[in-house]
C-alpha atoms as a PDB file:
ATOM      1  CA  MET A   1       0.000   0.000   0.000  1.00  0.00           C
ATOM      2  CA  GLU A   2       1.397   3.378  -0.996  1.00  0.00           C
ATOM      3  CA  SER A   3       1.685   5.821   1.859  1.00  0.00           C
ATOM      4  CA  LYS A   4       1.887   9.591   1.984  1.00  0.00           C
ATOM      5  CA  SER A   5       2.957   9.747   5.607  1.00  0.00           C
ATOM      6  CA  GLU A   6       5.552  12.377   6.356  1.00  0.00           C
ATOM      7  CA  VAL A   7       7.628  13.575   9.260  1.00  0.00           C
ATOM      8  CA  ALA A   8       9.666  16.757   9.478  1.00  0.00           C
ATOM      9  CA  ILE A   9      12.791  17.450  11.468  1.00  0.00           C
ATOM     10  CA  GLY A  10      14.299  20.610  12.864  1.00  0.00           C
ATOM     11  CA  LEU A  11      17.790  21.136  14.283  1.00  0.00           C
ATOM     12  CA  LYS A  12      18.327  24.603  15.711  1.00  0.00           C
ATOM     13  CA  ARG A  13      19.845  26.493  18.626  1.00  0.00           C
ATOM     14  CA  SER A  14      16.588  26.649  20.608  1.00  0.00           C
ATOM     15  CA  PRO A  15      13.457  24.481  20.920  1.00  0.00           C
ATOM     16  CA  GLY A  16      11.352  27.311  19.496  1.00  0.00           C
ATOM     17  CA  GLU A  17      13.517  27.660  16.409  1.00  0.00           C
ATOM     18  CA  ALA A  18      13.667  23.895  15.905  1.00  0.00           C
ATOM     19  CA  LEU A  19       9.882  23.535  16.188  1.00  0.00           C
ATOM     20  CA  SER A  20       9.161  26.433  13.843  1.00  0.00           C
ATOM     21  CA  SER A  21      11.610  25.048  11.296  1.00  0.00           C
ATOM     22  CA  ALA A  22      10.133  21.545  11.415  1.00  0.00           C
ATOM     23  CA  LEU A  23       6.491  22.642  11.215  1.00  0.00           C
ATOM     24  CA  SER A  24       7.228  24.855   8.216  1.00  0.00           C
ATOM     25  CA  LYS A  25       8.390  21.799   6.252  1.00  0.00           C
ATOM     26  CA  LEU A  26       5.203  19.748   6.598  1.00  0.00           C
ATOM     27  CA  ASN A  27       3.191  19.541   3.385  1.00  0.00           C
ATOM     28  CA  GLU A  28       0.107  18.109   5.070  1.00  0.00           C
ATOM     29  CA  PRO A  29      -1.938  20.897   6.659  1.00  0.00           C
ATOM     30  CA  ILE A  30      -2.531  20.838  10.404  1.00  0.00           C
ATOM     31  CA  VAL A  31      -6.294  21.183  10.671  1.00  0.00           C
ATOM     32  CA  PRO A  32      -7.859  21.740  14.114  1.00  0.00           C
ATOM     33  CA  PRO A  33     -11.154  19.916  14.755  1.00  0.00           C
ATOM     34  CA  LYS A  34     -14.302  21.904  14.089  1.00  0.00           C
ATOM     35  CA  ASN A  35     -15.595  23.714  17.160  1.00  0.00           C
ATOM     36  CA  THR A  36     -12.244  23.416  18.957  1.00  0.00           C
ATOM     37  CA  THR A  37     -12.732  24.691  22.504  1.00  0.00           C
ATOM     38  CA  ARG A  38      -9.261  24.159  23.945  1.00  0.00           C
ATOM     39  CA  VAL A  39      -5.721  23.001  23.215  1.00  0.00           C
ATOM     40  CA  VAL A  40      -4.593  19.970  25.214  1.00  0.00           C
ATOM     41  CA  ILE A  41      -0.843  19.387  25.449  1.00  0.00           C
ATOM     42  CA  LYS A  42       0.521  16.127  26.883  1.00  0.00           C
ATOM     43  CA  PRO A  43       4.221  16.365  27.744  1.00  0.00           C
ATOM     44  CA  SER A  44       6.257  13.449  29.040  1.00  0.00           C
ATOM     45  CA  ILE A  45       7.185  13.973  32.694  1.00  0.00           C
ATOM     46  CA  TYR A  46       8.157  10.653  34.225  1.00  0.00           C
ATOM     47  CA  ASP A  47      10.619  11.558  36.964  1.00  0.00           C
ATOM     48  CA  PRO A  48      11.929  15.123  37.377  1.00  0.00           C
ATOM     49  CA  ASN A  49      15.123  13.706  38.906  1.00  0.00           C
ATOM     50  CA  LEU A  50      16.025  11.780  35.737  1.00  0.00           C
ATOM     51  CA  PRO A  51      16.581  12.801  32.104  1.00  0.00           C
ATOM     52  CA  GLY A  52      13.974  12.154  29.427  1.00  0.00           C
ATOM     53  CA  ASN A  53      11.316  14.692  30.421  1.00  0.00           C
ATOM     54  CA  THR A  54       9.861  17.084  27.858  1.00  0.00           C
ATOM     55  CA  ASP A  55      11.797  20.353  27.952  1.00  0.00           C
ATOM     56  CA  VAL A  56       9.540  23.131  29.228  1.00  0.00           C
ATOM     57  CA  ASN A  57      10.853  25.388  26.468  1.00  0.00           C
ATOM     58  CA  MET A  58       9.540  22.995  23.824  1.00  0.00           C
ATOM     59  CA  VAL A  59       6.094  23.179  25.421  1.00  0.00           C
ATOM     60  CA  ARG A  60       6.441  26.959  25.599  1.00  0.00           C
ATOM     61  CA  ALA A  61       7.144  26.961  21.847  1.00  0.00           C
ATOM     62  CA  VAL A  62       4.096  24.765  21.174  1.00  0.00           C
ATOM     63  CA  ILE A  63       1.913  27.182  23.141  1.00  0.00           C
ATOM     64  CA  ARG A  64       3.315  30.091  21.157  1.00  0.00           C
ATOM     65  CA  MET A  65       2.429  28.301  17.902  1.00  0.00           C
ATOM     66  CA  PHE A  66      -1.041  27.021  18.776  1.00  0.00           C
ATOM     67  CA  GLY A  67      -2.280  28.996  21.784  1.00  0.00           C
ATOM     68  CA  SER A  68      -4.450  31.197  19.571  1.00  0.00           C
ATOM     69  CA  LEU A  69      -6.793  28.231  19.019  1.00  0.00           C
ATOM     70  CA  GLY A  70      -8.174  28.448  22.562  1.00  0.00           C
ATOM     71  CA  PRO A  71      -7.332  28.033  26.241  1.00  0.00           C
ATOM     72  CA  VAL A  72      -4.396  25.678  26.795  1.00  0.00           C
ATOM     73  CA  SER A  73      -4.450  22.723  29.202  1.00  0.00           C
ATOM     74  CA  ILE A  74      -1.135  20.990  29.896  1.00  0.00           C
ATOM     75  CA  VAL A  75      -2.021  17.540  31.222  1.00  0.00           C
ATOM     76  CA  GLU A  76      -0.170  14.832  33.122  1.00  0.00           C
ATOM     77  CA  SER A  77      -1.152  12.155  35.657  1.00  0.00           C
ATOM     78  CA  ASP A  78       0.151  10.885  38.983  1.00  0.00           C
ATOM     79  CA  THR A  79       2.560   7.956  39.261  1.00  0.00           C
ATOM     80  CA  PRO A  80       3.976   6.081  42.266  1.00  0.00           C
ATOM     81  CA  LEU A  81       7.241   8.016  41.754  1.00  0.00           C
ATOM     82  CA  ARG A  82       5.794  11.516  42.015  1.00  0.00           C
ATOM     83  CA  ASN A  83       2.576  13.514  42.035  1.00  0.00           C
ATOM     84  CA  THR A  84       1.759  15.692  39.078  1.00  0.00           C
ATOM     85  CA  GLY A  85       1.888  19.008  40.915  1.00  0.00           C
ATOM     86  CA  ASP A  86       5.429  18.382  42.131  1.00  0.00           C
ATOM     87  CA  ALA A  87       6.485  17.181  38.681  1.00  0.00           C
ATOM     88  CA  PHE A  88       5.176  20.345  37.027  1.00  0.00           C
ATOM     89  CA  LEU A  89       6.951  22.466  39.633  1.00  0.00           C
ATOM     90  CA  GLN A  90      10.318  20.706  39.448  1.00  0.00           C
ATOM     91  CA  CYS A  91      10.365  20.745  35.644  1.00  0.00           C
ATOM     92  CA  GLY A  92       9.546  24.461  35.435  1.00  0.00           C
ATOM     93  CA  TYR A  93       6.031  24.138  34.055  1.00  0.00           C
ATOM     94  CA  THR A  94       4.489  26.408  36.673  1.00  0.00           C
ATOM     95  CA  ASP A  95       6.211  29.293  34.864  1.00  0.00           C
ATOM     96  CA  LEU A  96       3.826  28.676  31.948  1.00  0.00           C
ATOM     97  CA  GLU A  97       0.650  29.236  33.968  1.00  0.00           C
ATOM     98  CA  ASN A  98      -1.369  32.353  33.166  1.00  0.00           C
ATOM     99  CA  GLU A  99      -4.951  33.306  32.285  1.00  0.00           C
ATOM    100  CA  GLN A 100      -4.656  31.307  29.051  1.00  0.00           C
ATOM    101  CA  VAL A 101      -2.651  28.294  30.266  1.00  0.00           C
ATOM    102  CA  GLU A 102      -3.574  25.834  33.035  1.00  0.00           C
ATOM    103  CA  LEU A 103      -1.762  22.812  34.449  1.00  0.00           C
ATOM    104  CA  VAL A 104      -4.073  19.828  34.878  1.00  0.00           C
ATOM    105  CA  ASN A 105      -3.607  16.700  36.981  1.00  0.00           C
ATOM    106  CA  LEU A 106      -5.556  14.010  35.119  1.00  0.00           C
ATOM    107  CA  SER A 107      -5.698  11.957  38.316  1.00  0.00           C
ATOM    108  CA  ASP A 108      -7.741  14.664  40.027  1.00  0.00           C
ATOM    109  CA  VAL A 109     -10.391  15.832  37.540  1.00  0.00           C
ATOM    110  CA  ASP A 110     -13.951  14.912  36.584  1.00  0.00           C
ATOM    111  CA  MET A 111     -14.238  11.563  34.816  1.00  0.00           C
ATOM    112  CA  THR A 112     -16.571  10.300  32.129  1.00  0.00           C
ATOM    113  CA  SER A 113     -17.367   6.807  30.813  1.00  0.00           C
ATOM    114  CA  VAL A 114     -15.592   6.048  27.543  1.00  0.00           C
ATOM    115  CA  MET A 115     -16.145   3.161  25.141  1.00  0.00           C
ATOM    116  CA  PHE A 116     -12.866   1.792  23.796  1.00  0.00           C
ATOM    117  CA  SER A 117     -12.066  -0.306  20.746  1.00  0.00           C
ATOM    118  CA  GLY A 118     -11.653  -3.460  22.811  1.00  0.00           C
ATOM    119  CA  HIS A 119      -8.002  -4.351  22.312  1.00  0.00           C
ATOM    120  CA  TYR A 120      -7.778  -4.296  26.109  1.00  0.00           C
ATOM    121  CA  PHE A 121     -10.444  -1.952  27.494  1.00  0.00           C
ATOM    122  CA  GLU A 122     -14.144  -2.209  26.727  1.00  0.00           C
ATOM    123  CA  ASP A 123     -15.323   0.810  28.655  1.00  0.00           C
ATOM    124  CA  ARG A 124     -13.799   2.679  31.557  1.00  0.00           C
ATOM    125  CA  LYS A 125     -13.596   6.070  33.236  1.00  0.00           C
ATOM    126  CA  MET A 126     -11.316   8.666  31.660  1.00  0.00           C
ATOM    127  CA  PRO A 127     -10.725  12.382  32.281  1.00  0.00           C
ATOM    128  CA  ARG A 128     -13.598  14.431  30.879  1.00  0.00           C
ATOM    129  CA  ILE A 129     -11.219  17.178  29.730  1.00  0.00           C
ATOM    130  CA  LEU A 130      -9.925  14.839  27.019  1.00  0.00           C
ATOM    131  CA  HIS A 131     -13.388  14.799  25.447  1.00  0.00           C
ATOM    132  CA  GLU A 132     -14.085  18.516  25.189  1.00  0.00           C
ATOM    133  CA  ASP A 133     -13.457  19.194  21.470  1.00  0.00           C
ATOM    134  CA  ALA A 134      -9.749  19.566  22.061  1.00  0.00           C
ATOM    135  CA  PHE A 135      -6.898  20.111  19.633  1.00  0.00           C
ATOM    136  CA  PHE A 136      -4.577  17.474  21.054  1.00  0.00           C
ATOM    137  CA  ILE A 137      -0.802  17.888  20.791  1.00  0.00           C
ATOM    138  CA  ASN A 138       1.367  15.056  22.080  1.00  0.00           C
ATOM    139  CA  VAL A 139       4.794  16.445  23.067  1.00  0.00           C
ATOM    140  CA  ALA A 140       6.861  13.407  23.974  1.00  0.00           C
ATOM    141  CA  THR A 141      10.511  12.440  24.313  1.00  0.00           C
ATOM    142  CA  LEU A 142      12.448   9.515  22.858  1.00  0.00           C
ATOM    143  CA  LYS A 143      14.138   6.763  24.858  1.00  0.00           C
ATOM    144  CA  ALA A 144      14.724   3.029  24.740  1.00  0.00           C
ATOM    145  CA  GLU A 145      12.391   1.050  27.012  1.00  0.00           C
ATOM    146  CA  PRO A 146      13.469  -2.577  26.489  1.00  0.00           C
ATOM    147  CA  LYS A 147      11.684  -3.885  29.586  1.00  0.00           C
ATOM    148  CA  ILE A 148       8.302  -2.369  28.708  1.00  0.00           C
ATOM    149  CA  CYS A 149       7.637  -1.633  25.036  1.00  0.00           C
ATOM    150  CA  THR A 150      11.064  -1.456  23.302  1.00  0.00           C
ATOM    151  CA  ILE A 151      10.889   2.289  22.643  1.00  0.00           C
ATOM    152  CA  GLY A 152       9.144   5.163  24.358  1.00  0.00           C
ATOM    153  CA  ALA A 153       8.048   8.011  22.095  1.00  0.00           C
ATOM    154  CA  GLY A 154       4.697   9.525  21.117  1.00  0.00           C
ATOM    155  CA  ILE A 155       2.393   6.516  21.337  1.00  0.00           C
ATOM    156  CA  LYS A 156       3.868   5.327  24.651  1.00  0.00           C
ATOM    157  CA  ASN A 157       3.316   8.857  26.033  1.00  0.00           C
ATOM    158  CA  LEU A 158      -0.449   8.290  25.665  1.00  0.00           C
ATOM    159  CA  PHE A 159      -0.109   5.811  28.537  1.00  0.00           C
ATOM    160  CA  GLY A 160       0.083   8.842  30.833  1.00  0.00           C
ATOM    161  CA  LEU A 161      -3.500   9.761  29.954  1.00  0.00           C
ATOM    162  CA  LEU A 162      -4.651   6.930  32.221  1.00  0.00           C
ATOM    163  CA  PRO A 163      -5.594   8.588  35.513  1.00  0.00           C
ATOM    164  CA  GLU A 164      -4.833   5.802  37.983  1.00  0.00           C
ATOM    165  CA  LEU A 165      -1.752   6.018  40.152  1.00  0.00           C
ATOM    166  CA  ASP A 166      -0.249   2.597  39.447  1.00  0.00           C
ATOM    167  CA  LYS A 167      -0.278   2.043  35.700  1.00  0.00           C
ATOM    168  CA  SER A 168       2.282  -0.769  35.907  1.00  0.00           C
ATOM    169  CA  ILE A 169      -0.615  -3.222  36.217  1.00  0.00           C
ATOM    170  CA  TYR A 170      -1.058  -2.772  32.460  1.00  0.00           C
ATOM    171  CA  HIS A 171       2.581  -3.383  31.494  1.00  0.00           C
ATOM    172  CA  THR A 172       2.010  -7.043  30.607  1.00  0.00           C
ATOM    173  CA  SER A 173      -0.657  -5.963  28.091  1.00  0.00           C
ATOM    174  CA  ILE A 174       0.786  -2.580  27.194  1.00  0.00           C
ATOM    175  CA  ASP A 175       0.688  -3.052  23.412  1.00  0.00           C
ATOM    176  CA  SER A 176      -3.067  -3.702  23.498  1.00  0.00           C
ATOM    177  CA  VAL A 177      -3.609  -0.827  25.927  1.00  0.00           C
ATOM    178  CA  LEU A 178      -1.692   1.513  23.624  1.00  0.00           C
ATOM    179  CA  MET A 179      -3.842   0.507  20.645  1.00  0.00           C
ATOM    180  CA  ASP A 180      -6.961   1.444  22.612  1.00  0.00           C
ATOM    181  CA  LEU A 181      -5.455   4.767  23.656  1.00  0.00           C
ATOM    182  CA  LEU A 182      -4.240   5.588  20.149  1.00  0.00           C
ATOM    183  CA  THR A 183      -7.689   4.867  18.740  1.00  0.00           C
ATOM    184  CA  ALA A 184      -9.491   6.979  21.335  1.00  0.00           C
ATOM    185  CA  TYR A 185      -6.933   9.790  21.669  1.00  0.00           C
ATOM    186  CA  ARG A 186      -5.160  10.021  18.344  1.00  0.00           C
ATOM    187  CA  PRO A 187      -3.134  13.252  18.503  1.00  0.00           C
ATOM    188  CA  ASN A 188      -3.767  15.995  15.984  1.00  0.00           C
ATOM    189  CA  LEU A 189      -0.023  16.600  16.065  1.00  0.00           C
ATOM    190  CA  THR A 190       2.881  14.618  17.489  1.00  0.00           C
ATOM    191  CA  VAL A 191       6.031  16.437  18.567  1.00  0.00           C
ATOM    192  CA  ILE A 192       9.092  14.479  19.708  1.00  0.00           C
ATOM    193  CA  ASP A 193      11.357  16.703  21.767  1.00  0.00           C
ATOM    194  CA  LEU A 194      15.007  15.908  21.037  1.00  0.00           C
ATOM    195  CA  THR A 195      16.447  18.836  22.962  1.00  0.00           C
ATOM    196  CA  ASP A 196      18.305  16.378  25.197  1.00  0.00           C
ATOM    197  CA  VAL A 197      17.982  12.626  24.715  1.00  0.00           C
ATOM    198  CA  VAL A 198      18.489   9.770  27.159  1.00  0.00           C
ATOM    199  CA  ILE A 199      21.624   7.702  26.651  1.00  0.00           C
ATOM    200  CA  GLY A 200      21.258   4.031  27.569  1.00  0.00           C
ATOM    201  CA  ASN A 201      19.284   3.201  30.708  1.00  0.00           C
ATOM    202  CA  ARG A 202      17.356   6.219  31.949  1.00  0.00           C
ATOM    203  CA  ASP A 203      18.085   5.306  35.574  1.00  0.00           C
ATOM    204  CA  ASP A 204      21.795   5.883  34.889  1.00  0.00           C
ATOM    205  CA  GLY A 205      20.997   9.578  34.422  1.00  0.00           C
ATOM    206  CA  GLN A 206      22.979  10.063  31.199  1.00  0.00           C
ATOM    207  CA  SER A 207      21.794  12.336  28.390  1.00  0.00           C
ATOM    208  CA  LYS A 208      23.134  14.034  25.269  1.00  0.00           C
ATOM    209  CA  HIS A 209      22.234  17.439  23.856  1.00  0.00           C
ATOM    210  CA  VAL A 210      20.805  17.112  20.339  1.00  0.00           C
ATOM    211  CA  GLY A 211      18.790  20.308  19.958  1.00  0.00           C
ATOM    212  CA  GLY A 212      16.264  18.783  17.601  1.00  0.00           C
ATOM    213  CA  VAL A 213      12.617  17.949  17.114  1.00  0.00           C
ATOM    214  CA  VAL A 214      10.554  15.558  14.988  1.00  0.00           C
ATOM    215  CA  VAL A 215       6.967  16.442  14.080  1.00  0.00           C
ATOM    216  CA  GLY A 216       4.172  14.817  12.131  1.00  0.00           C
ATOM    217  CA  ILE A 217       0.449  14.242  11.855  1.00  0.00           C
ATOM    218  CA  ASP A 218       0.783  10.452  11.555  1.00  0.00           C
ATOM    219  CA  PRO A 219       1.776   9.358  15.087  1.00  0.00           C
ATOM    220  CA  VAL A 220       2.875   5.922  13.890  1.00  0.00           C
ATOM    221  CA  ALA A 221       5.198   7.369  11.248  1.00  0.00           C
ATOM    222  CA  VAL A 222       6.742   9.750  13.769  1.00  0.00           C
ATOM    223  CA  ASP A 223       7.490   6.922  16.193  1.00  0.00           C
ATOM    224  CA  ALA A 224       8.744   4.665  13.386  1.00  0.00           C
ATOM    225  CA  PHE A 225      11.220   7.335  12.284  1.00  0.00           C
ATOM    226  CA  CYS A 226      12.361   7.780  15.883  1.00  0.00           C
ATOM    227  CA  SER A 227      12.717   4.031  16.341  1.00  0.00           C
ATOM    228  CA  ASN A 228      15.022   4.029  13.334  1.00  0.00           C
ATOM    229  CA  LEU A 229      17.117   6.751  14.977  1.00  0.00           C
ATOM    230  CA  LEU A 230      17.722   4.343  17.861  1.00  0.00           C
ATOM    231  CA  GLY A 231      18.743   1.625  15.408  1.00  0.00           C
ATOM    232  CA  ILE A 232      15.591  -0.404  16.074  1.00  0.00           C
ATOM    233  CA  ASP A 233      13.494  -1.764  13.198  1.00  0.00           C
ATOM    234  CA  PRO A 234      10.044  -0.249  13.879  1.00  0.00           C
ATOM    235  CA  MET A 235       8.317  -3.344  12.522  1.00  0.00           C
ATOM    236  CA  LYS A 236       9.952  -5.275  15.372  1.00  0.00           C
ATOM    237  CA  VAL A 237       8.389  -2.937  17.929  1.00  0.00           C
ATOM    238  CA  GLU A 238       5.135  -4.679  18.788  1.00  0.00           C
ATOM    239  CA  HIS A 239       2.898  -1.636  19.249  1.00  0.00           C
ATOM    240  CA  LEU A 240       4.208  -0.003  16.053  1.00  0.00           C
ATOM    241  CA  ARG A 241       3.750  -3.182  14.040  1.00  0.00           C
ATOM    242  CA  ALA A 242       0.236  -3.597  15.459  1.00  0.00           C
ATOM    243  CA  ALA A 243      -0.705   0.017  14.700  1.00  0.00           C
ATOM    244  CA  HIS A 244       0.612  -0.364  11.152  1.00  0.00           C
ATOM    245  CA  THR A 245      -1.273  -3.636  10.622  1.00  0.00           C
ATOM    246  CA  LEU A 246      -4.482  -2.068  11.931  1.00  0.00           C
ATOM    247  CA  GLY A 247      -4.149   0.796   9.434  1.00  0.00           C
ATOM    248  CA  MET A 248      -3.525   3.418  12.102  1.00  0.00           C
ATOM    249  CA  GLY A 249      -0.398   4.770  10.446  1.00  0.00           C
ATOM    250  CA  GLU A 250       2.779   3.975   8.564  1.00  0.00           C
ATOM    251  CA  ALA A 251       5.613   2.095  10.258  1.00  0.00           C
ATOM    252  CA  ILE A 252       7.740   1.039   7.283  1.00  0.00           C
ATOM    253  CA  PRO A 253      10.573   3.579   7.040  1.00  0.00           C
ATOM    254  CA  ASP A 254      10.882   3.427   3.243  1.00  0.00           C
ATOM    255  CA  ARG A 255       7.276   4.586   2.958  1.00  0.00           C
ATOM    256  CA  ILE A 256       7.750   7.641   5.163  1.00  0.00           C
ATOM    257  CA  THR A 257       8.794  10.923   3.590  1.00  0.00           C
ATOM    258  CA  VAL A 258      11.284  12.783   5.782  1.00  0.00           C
ATOM    259  CA  ARG A 259      11.129  16.564   5.371  1.00  0.00           C
ATOM    260  CA  GLY A 260      14.421  18.267   6.075  1.00  0.00           C
ATOM    261  CA  THR A 261      17.650  19.027   4.301  1.00  0.00           C
ATOM    262  CA  ASP A 262      19.992  16.148   3.519  1.00  0.00           C
ATOM    263  CA  HIS A 263      22.494  17.773   5.868  1.00  0.00           C
ATOM    264  CA  GLN A 264      19.970  17.905   8.736  1.00  0.00           C
ATOM    265  CA  ILE A 265      18.921  14.293   8.240  1.00  0.00           C
ATOM    266  CA  GLU A 266      22.544  13.145   8.136  1.00  0.00           C
ATOM    267  CA  GLU A 267      23.452  15.265  11.155  1.00  0.00           C
ATOM    268  CA  LEU A 268      20.546  13.901  13.200  1.00  0.00           C
ATOM    269  CA  ASN A 269      21.481  10.323  12.367  1.00  0.00           C
ATOM    270  CA  GLN A 270      25.108  10.990  13.276  1.00  0.00           C
ATOM    271  CA  LEU A 271      24.128  12.514  16.620  1.00  0.00           C
ATOM    272  CA  PHE A 272      22.353   9.283  17.546  1.00  0.00           C
ATOM    273  CA  GLN A 273      25.240   7.101  16.386  1.00  0.00           C
ATOM    274  CA  LYS A 274      27.915   8.873  18.451  1.00  0.00           C
END
């Protein structure tokens, strides 16, 4: 099947410049849903004491680009490692709060019953804010997660939409859970923050400055490209292969158009090989 999926890359001095550069290269228009009432941004904030969290300046750049669409809600949920309020504070997100921007703990908001596609969930309670005609931007980071789902990028970041404290109970079925979440909460835009990337095991606390970003409308294509950066065949990543097979996006690298100069693409690949 011929695919038109595309991703765009940006490599610049600041997250804002990188994001602006990458978005300008996309051919496919970014179209907000009709009657959009708010912008929902989901960063990746796992543990403020470790690398691999979405840089607050990348989220600031996203707000600058899309904040005119409506009030902005930056959402995250509690984990056994930390509560959301502390995570926002330690990672500098409280500096973003104003009359237009709110920080939302998905573990402490009104819930609504949601019917899922049945890969794992049939129906369950989910945060109501995710169902309020939102323009949903997934702003994730990239890291290897060999013990859970091979790689963590955009699709894995949807796992943090689940409001319960201990999400590890789903790890044994995480690929099915992610298919349900991707079906119900497919992002309008996926942004992978490569400002600083985790080197090796996240718990070792090592990271490398890259100063880049990957963006795209097809969340599967974005993650497949990022998987390739890590030297991992995306079709050997179970949740990417499943999403591809289900027609949710493109995971075969040769079918994904990469927007960026040859120099940028080569430089990004070299940064991940060093």
